[in-house]
Structures are given as structure tokens and as C-alpha cells.
Amino acid sequence: MGQHRLAGRHPGGHTRAYSRADIRRLDVATGSRRNLLKGAAIGAGVGAAAGIAIIIAADDDQDSELEGLEVAVAGAMFLGSTALGGIVGALTKSPRWTRVHPTGLGVSISF
């Protein structure tokens, strides 16, 4: 391989080389991260939407003894969905990518 190429071995065992002029951006996986906050935020959004839908669907413009129950069910939907989203997010891993800015001719990257 010439000094102006980037080569990497893929999991299948074959090697692939790229001309440095063809590379516009290079990111490398530097580990993984959990998605607890993202999952909790998505769960909170889903729970809030479900809770609002329950309140709207149950609102019949009449005072009833069940009005407090509607709010309680909506709150439970919100809290439960937030917790479930946080748990799913905590169990889900995604790769952490870091941008690499190769400089000079002595750059060596291997997979």
C-alpha cells in the first residue's frame, strides 16, 4: 500500500484500501454509551401524550367523582412511561464515535 492510502480489515477478513484523497471524513468507534436520559425523555413524551389523551377522552364536561381518577391515571401513565423509557435506554448501547483528523504522512489506522 502506498503512503497516501488508508487500509482496514473488515470482520469478514478481507482488506479494503481507500485513497486519502477519497476520504472526506473519518470517525472511529471509541467505545459505547448507554441512552438512559434519551430513553427517559422519549418515555416522558409518550407518557405525557398518553396522559393528555386519557384526560381529553374522559372529559365529558360533567363534574364527576372520577375526575380525580382521570388525573391519577394520566400521572401514572406519565411516570410509568418515563421509568420504562429510562430502563430501555439504560439497557440500550450505542457506539460512541470520535472524529479523527489525520495530519502528516505518518498516520496509521488499523481496525
N, C-alpha and C. Protein backbone atom coordinates (compact mmCIF):
# COMPACT_ATOMS: atom_id res chain seq x y z
N MET A 1 0.83 -1.17 0.00
CA MET A 1 0.00 0.00 0.00
C MET A 1 0.89 1.24 0.00
N GLY A 2 0.49 2.23 -0.76
CA GLY A 2 1.25 3.48 -0.80
C GLY A 2 1.05 4.27 0.48
N GLN A 3 1.86 5.29 0.65
CA GLN A 3 1.79 6.07 1.88
C GLN A 3 0.58 7.00 1.93
N HIS A 4 -0.15 7.13 0.83
CA HIS A 4 -1.31 8.01 0.80
C HIS A 4 -2.60 7.22 0.76
N ARG A 5 -2.62 6.08 1.42
CA ARG A 5 -3.81 5.23 1.44
C ARG A 5 -4.17 4.87 2.87
N LEU A 6 -5.42 4.57 3.05
CA LEU A 6 -5.91 4.08 4.32
C LEU A 6 -6.44 2.68 4.07
N ALA A 7 -5.97 1.73 4.85
CA ALA A 7 -6.40 0.35 4.68
C ALA A 7 -7.00 -0.15 5.98
N GLY A 8 -7.99 -0.99 5.85
CA GLY A 8 -8.62 -1.56 7.03
C GLY A 8 -9.11 -2.96 6.75
N ARG A 9 -9.07 -3.79 7.77
CA ARG A 9 -9.55 -5.16 7.64
C ARG A 9 -10.96 -5.23 8.20
N HIS A 10 -11.87 -5.73 7.40
CA HIS A 10 -13.27 -5.85 7.79
C HIS A 10 -13.47 -7.16 8.54
N PRO A 11 -14.56 -7.27 9.31
CA PRO A 11 -14.81 -8.50 10.07
C PRO A 11 -14.82 -9.76 9.22
N GLY A 12 -15.19 -9.67 7.96
CA GLY A 12 -15.20 -10.83 7.07
C GLY A 12 -13.80 -11.31 6.71
N GLY A 13 -12.78 -10.54 7.06
CA GLY A 13 -11.40 -10.95 6.81
C GLY A 13 -10.77 -10.28 5.60
N HIS A 14 -11.54 -9.62 4.76
CA HIS A 14 -10.95 -9.01 3.57
C HIS A 14 -10.46 -7.59 3.91
N THR A 15 -9.43 -7.17 3.20
CA THR A 15 -8.85 -5.85 3.40
C THR A 15 -9.33 -4.91 2.32
N ARG A 16 -9.62 -3.69 2.71
CA ARG A 16 -10.08 -2.71 1.75
C ARG A 16 -9.21 -1.46 1.91
N ALA A 17 -8.78 -0.89 0.79
CA ALA A 17 -7.92 0.29 0.83
C ALA A 17 -8.64 1.46 0.16
N TYR A 18 -8.42 2.64 0.73
CA TYR A 18 -9.02 3.86 0.20
C TYR A 18 -7.92 4.88 -0.04
N SER A 19 -8.01 5.59 -1.12
CA SER A 19 -7.09 6.68 -1.40
C SER A 19 -7.39 7.80 -0.41
N ARG A 20 -6.36 8.44 0.11
CA ARG A 20 -6.56 9.51 1.07
C ARG A 20 -7.35 10.67 0.47
N ALA A 21 -7.22 10.88 -0.82
CA ALA A 21 -7.98 11.95 -1.49
C ALA A 21 -9.48 11.64 -1.51
N ASP A 22 -9.86 10.36 -1.41
CA ASP A 22 -11.27 9.97 -1.41
C ASP A 22 -11.91 10.08 -0.03
N ILE A 23 -11.12 10.27 1.00
CA ILE A 23 -11.65 10.32 2.36
C ILE A 23 -11.97 11.77 2.72
N ARG A 24 -13.24 12.03 2.97
CA ARG A 24 -13.66 13.38 3.34
C ARG A 24 -13.80 13.53 4.85
N ARG A 25 -14.07 12.42 5.51
CA ARG A 25 -14.28 12.45 6.95
C ARG A 25 -13.96 11.07 7.50
N LEU A 26 -13.39 11.02 8.69
CA LEU A 26 -13.06 9.74 9.30
C LEU A 26 -13.46 9.76 10.76
N ASP A 27 -14.34 8.84 11.12
CA ASP A 27 -14.77 8.68 12.51
C ASP A 27 -14.40 7.27 12.95
N VAL A 28 -13.98 7.13 14.20
CA VAL A 28 -13.67 5.81 14.73
C VAL A 28 -14.53 5.57 15.97
N ALA A 29 -14.92 4.32 16.15
CA ALA A 29 -15.69 3.95 17.34
C ALA A 29 -14.72 3.88 18.52
N THR A 30 -15.03 4.63 19.57
CA THR A 30 -14.14 4.69 20.73
C THR A 30 -14.81 4.14 21.98
N GLY A 31 -15.76 3.28 21.81
CA GLY A 31 -16.46 2.69 22.94
C GLY A 31 -17.95 2.73 22.71
N SER A 32 -18.69 2.62 23.79
CA SER A 32 -20.15 2.66 23.68
C SER A 32 -20.71 3.49 24.83
N ARG A 33 -21.97 3.85 24.69
CA ARG A 33 -22.63 4.62 25.73
C ARG A 33 -24.04 4.11 25.92
N ARG A 34 -24.57 4.36 27.09
CA ARG A 34 -25.95 3.99 27.38
C ARG A 34 -26.83 5.20 27.10
N ASN A 35 -28.10 4.96 26.88
CA ASN A 35 -29.03 6.01 26.48
C ASN A 35 -30.12 6.27 27.52
N LEU A 36 -29.74 6.31 28.79
CA LEU A 36 -30.70 6.47 29.88
C LEU A 36 -31.53 7.75 29.74
N LEU A 37 -30.87 8.89 29.61
CA LEU A 37 -31.61 10.16 29.55
C LEU A 37 -32.44 10.28 28.29
N LYS A 38 -31.90 9.83 27.17
CA LYS A 38 -32.65 9.88 25.92
C LYS A 38 -33.90 8.99 26.02
N GLY A 39 -33.74 7.80 26.56
CA GLY A 39 -34.88 6.90 26.72
C GLY A 39 -35.92 7.46 27.67
N ALA A 40 -35.46 8.07 28.77
CA ALA A 40 -36.40 8.65 29.73
C ALA A 40 -37.15 9.82 29.10
N ALA A 41 -36.45 10.62 28.30
CA ALA A 41 -37.11 11.76 27.64
C ALA A 41 -38.16 11.29 26.64
N ILE A 42 -37.83 10.26 25.86
CA ILE A 42 -38.80 9.71 24.91
C ILE A 42 -39.98 9.11 25.66
N GLY A 43 -39.70 8.36 26.73
CA GLY A 43 -40.77 7.78 27.54
C GLY A 43 -41.66 8.84 28.16
N ALA A 44 -41.05 9.95 28.63
CA ALA A 44 -41.84 11.03 29.21
C ALA A 44 -42.76 11.66 28.17
N GLY A 45 -42.24 11.82 26.95
CA GLY A 45 -43.07 12.36 25.87
C GLY A 45 -44.24 11.46 25.55
N VAL A 46 -43.97 10.17 25.46
CA VAL A 46 -45.04 9.20 25.17
C VAL A 46 -46.04 9.18 26.31
N GLY A 47 -45.54 9.18 27.54
CA GLY A 47 -46.43 9.16 28.71
C GLY A 47 -47.28 10.41 28.81
N ALA A 48 -46.68 11.57 28.52
CA ALA A 48 -47.43 12.82 28.56
C ALA A 48 -48.52 12.82 27.50
N ALA A 49 -48.18 12.36 26.30
CA ALA A 49 -49.18 12.29 25.23
C ALA A 49 -50.31 11.34 25.60
N ALA A 50 -49.96 10.18 26.16
CA ALA A 50 -51.00 9.22 26.56
C ALA A 50 -51.86 9.78 27.68
N GLY A 51 -51.22 10.45 28.64
CA GLY A 51 -51.98 11.04 29.75
C GLY A 51 -52.93 12.12 29.29
N ILE A 52 -52.46 12.97 28.38
CA ILE A 52 -53.34 14.03 27.83
C ILE A 52 -54.49 13.41 27.06
N ALA A 53 -54.19 12.36 26.29
CA ALA A 53 -55.25 11.68 25.52
C ALA A 53 -56.29 11.08 26.46
N ILE A 54 -55.85 10.53 27.58
CA ILE A 54 -56.80 9.95 28.55
C ILE A 54 -57.69 11.03 29.14
N ILE A 55 -57.09 12.15 29.52
CA ILE A 55 -57.87 13.25 30.11
C ILE A 55 -58.87 13.81 29.10
N ILE A 56 -58.42 14.00 27.84
CA ILE A 56 -59.32 14.53 26.81
C ILE A 56 -60.45 13.55 26.52
N ALA A 57 -60.10 12.27 26.40
CA ALA A 57 -61.13 11.26 26.09
C ALA A 57 -62.13 11.11 27.22
N ALA A 58 -61.69 11.27 28.45
CA ALA A 58 -62.58 11.07 29.59
C ALA A 58 -63.33 12.34 29.97
N ASP A 59 -62.94 13.47 29.42
CA ASP A 59 -63.59 14.73 29.77
C ASP A 59 -64.96 14.82 29.08
N ASP A 60 -65.98 14.79 29.87
CA ASP A 60 -67.33 14.84 29.31
C ASP A 60 -68.08 16.08 29.77
N ASP A 61 -67.33 17.09 30.21
CA ASP A 61 -67.91 18.37 30.64
C ASP A 61 -68.90 18.22 31.80
N GLN A 62 -68.80 17.17 32.53
CA GLN A 62 -69.65 16.97 33.70
C GLN A 62 -68.75 16.70 34.90
N ASP A 63 -69.12 17.30 36.00
CA ASP A 63 -68.37 17.02 37.22
C ASP A 63 -68.72 15.61 37.67
N SER A 64 -67.69 14.86 37.97
CA SER A 64 -67.96 13.52 38.45
C SER A 64 -66.92 13.16 39.49
N GLU A 65 -67.21 12.10 40.19
CA GLU A 65 -66.29 11.63 41.22
C GLU A 65 -65.05 11.00 40.60
N LEU A 66 -65.10 10.69 39.31
CA LEU A 66 -63.97 10.03 38.64
C LEU A 66 -62.95 11.01 38.08
N GLU A 67 -63.20 12.31 38.21
CA GLU A 67 -62.30 13.30 37.63
C GLU A 67 -60.90 13.19 38.24
N GLY A 68 -60.83 13.01 39.53
CA GLY A 68 -59.52 12.83 40.18
C GLY A 68 -58.82 11.57 39.71
N LEU A 69 -59.61 10.54 39.45
CA LEU A 69 -59.05 9.28 38.96
C LEU A 69 -58.43 9.46 37.57
N GLU A 70 -59.05 10.28 36.73
CA GLU A 70 -58.50 10.55 35.39
C GLU A 70 -57.12 11.16 35.50
N VAL A 71 -56.98 12.14 36.38
CA VAL A 71 -55.68 12.79 36.57
C VAL A 71 -54.68 11.80 37.14
N ALA A 72 -55.10 10.96 38.06
CA ALA A 72 -54.20 9.96 38.65
C ALA A 72 -53.72 8.97 37.59
N VAL A 73 -54.64 8.51 36.74
CA VAL A 73 -54.26 7.58 35.68
C VAL A 73 -53.31 8.25 34.70
N ALA A 74 -53.57 9.51 34.34
CA ALA A 74 -52.69 10.24 33.43
C ALA A 74 -51.30 10.40 34.06
N GLY A 75 -51.26 10.73 35.33
CA GLY A 75 -49.97 10.86 36.03
C GLY A 75 -49.21 9.54 36.08
N ALA A 76 -49.94 8.47 36.34
CA ALA A 76 -49.32 7.15 36.37
C ALA A 76 -48.77 6.77 34.99
N MET A 77 -49.52 7.11 33.94
CA MET A 77 -49.03 6.85 32.57
C MET A 77 -47.73 7.60 32.32
N PHE A 78 -47.68 8.87 32.73
CA PHE A 78 -46.50 9.70 32.54
C PHE A 78 -45.30 9.11 33.30
N LEU A 79 -45.48 8.83 34.58
CA LEU A 79 -44.38 8.31 35.39
C LEU A 79 -43.94 6.92 34.93
N GLY A 80 -44.92 6.08 34.63
CA GLY A 80 -44.59 4.73 34.18
C GLY A 80 -43.84 4.73 32.85
N SER A 81 -44.30 5.55 31.92
CA SER A 81 -43.62 5.63 30.62
C SER A 81 -42.22 6.22 30.76
N THR A 82 -42.05 7.21 31.63
CA THR A 82 -40.73 7.78 31.86
C THR A 82 -39.79 6.73 32.43
N ALA A 83 -40.26 5.98 33.42
CA ALA A 83 -39.43 4.93 34.02
C ALA A 83 -39.11 3.84 33.01
N LEU A 84 -40.11 3.40 32.26
CA LEU A 84 -39.89 2.36 31.25
C LEU A 84 -38.91 2.83 30.18
N GLY A 85 -39.07 4.07 29.72
CA GLY A 85 -38.14 4.62 28.74
C GLY A 85 -36.72 4.69 29.28
N GLY A 86 -36.58 5.08 30.55
CA GLY A 86 -35.25 5.12 31.17
C GLY A 86 -34.62 3.74 31.27
N ILE A 87 -35.41 2.74 31.61
CA ILE A 87 -34.90 1.37 31.71
C ILE A 87 -34.47 0.87 30.34
N VAL A 88 -35.31 1.06 29.33
CA VAL A 88 -34.96 0.63 27.97
C VAL A 88 -33.71 1.37 27.50
N GLY A 89 -33.65 2.67 27.76
CA GLY A 89 -32.47 3.45 27.38
C GLY A 89 -31.21 2.97 28.08
N ALA A 90 -31.32 2.62 29.37
CA ALA A 90 -30.16 2.14 30.12
C ALA A 90 -29.68 0.79 29.59
N LEU A 91 -30.59 0.00 29.08
CA LEU A 91 -30.21 -1.32 28.56
C LEU A 91 -29.71 -1.26 27.12
N THR A 92 -29.94 -0.14 26.45
CA THR A 92 -29.56 0.01 25.05
C THR A 92 -28.20 0.69 24.96
N LYS A 93 -27.29 0.07 24.23
CA LYS A 93 -25.98 0.66 24.00
C LYS A 93 -25.88 1.13 22.56
N SER A 94 -25.20 2.23 22.36
CA SER A 94 -24.91 2.70 21.01
C SER A 94 -23.44 3.08 20.96
N PRO A 95 -22.82 2.96 19.80
CA PRO A 95 -21.39 3.26 19.72
C PRO A 95 -21.12 4.75 19.91
N ARG A 96 -19.98 5.04 20.50
CA ARG A 96 -19.53 6.43 20.65
C ARG A 96 -18.50 6.67 19.55
N TRP A 97 -18.75 7.66 18.71
CA TRP A 97 -17.89 7.95 17.59
C TRP A 97 -17.07 9.21 17.85
N THR A 98 -15.80 9.16 17.43
CA THR A 98 -14.90 10.29 17.58
C THR A 98 -14.32 10.63 16.22
N ARG A 99 -14.37 11.89 15.88
CA ARG A 99 -13.82 12.36 14.60
C ARG A 99 -12.30 12.33 14.68
N VAL A 100 -11.67 11.82 13.63
CA VAL A 100 -10.21 11.75 13.54
C VAL A 100 -9.78 12.73 12.47
N HIS A 101 -8.78 13.53 12.78
CA HIS A 101 -8.23 14.48 11.82
C HIS A 101 -6.79 14.07 11.53
N PRO A 102 -6.59 13.17 10.56
CA PRO A 102 -5.22 12.73 10.28
C PRO A 102 -4.39 13.87 9.70
N THR A 103 -3.18 14.00 10.21
CA THR A 103 -2.26 15.00 9.70
C THR A 103 -0.94 14.33 9.39
N GLY A 104 -0.26 14.84 8.41
CA GLY A 104 1.05 14.28 8.05
C GLY A 104 0.91 12.98 7.30
N LEU A 105 2.03 12.43 6.93
CA LEU A 105 2.04 11.19 6.16
C LEU A 105 2.23 9.97 7.03
N GLY A 106 2.49 10.14 8.30
CA GLY A 106 2.78 9.00 9.17
C GLY A 106 1.59 8.44 9.89
N VAL A 107 0.39 8.71 9.45
CA VAL A 107 -0.80 8.24 10.11
C VAL A 107 -1.00 6.76 9.82
N SER A 108 -1.25 6.00 10.87
CA SER A 108 -1.51 4.58 10.70
C SER A 108 -2.76 4.25 11.49
N ILE A 109 -3.76 3.74 10.82
CA ILE A 109 -5.01 3.37 11.46
C ILE A 109 -5.31 1.92 11.10
N SER A 110 -5.61 1.12 12.11
CA SER A 110 -5.95 -0.27 11.82
C SER A 110 -7.27 -0.61 12.51
N PHE A 111 -7.99 -1.55 11.94
CA PHE A 111 -9.26 -1.97 12.50
C PHE A 111 -9.08 -3.31 13.15
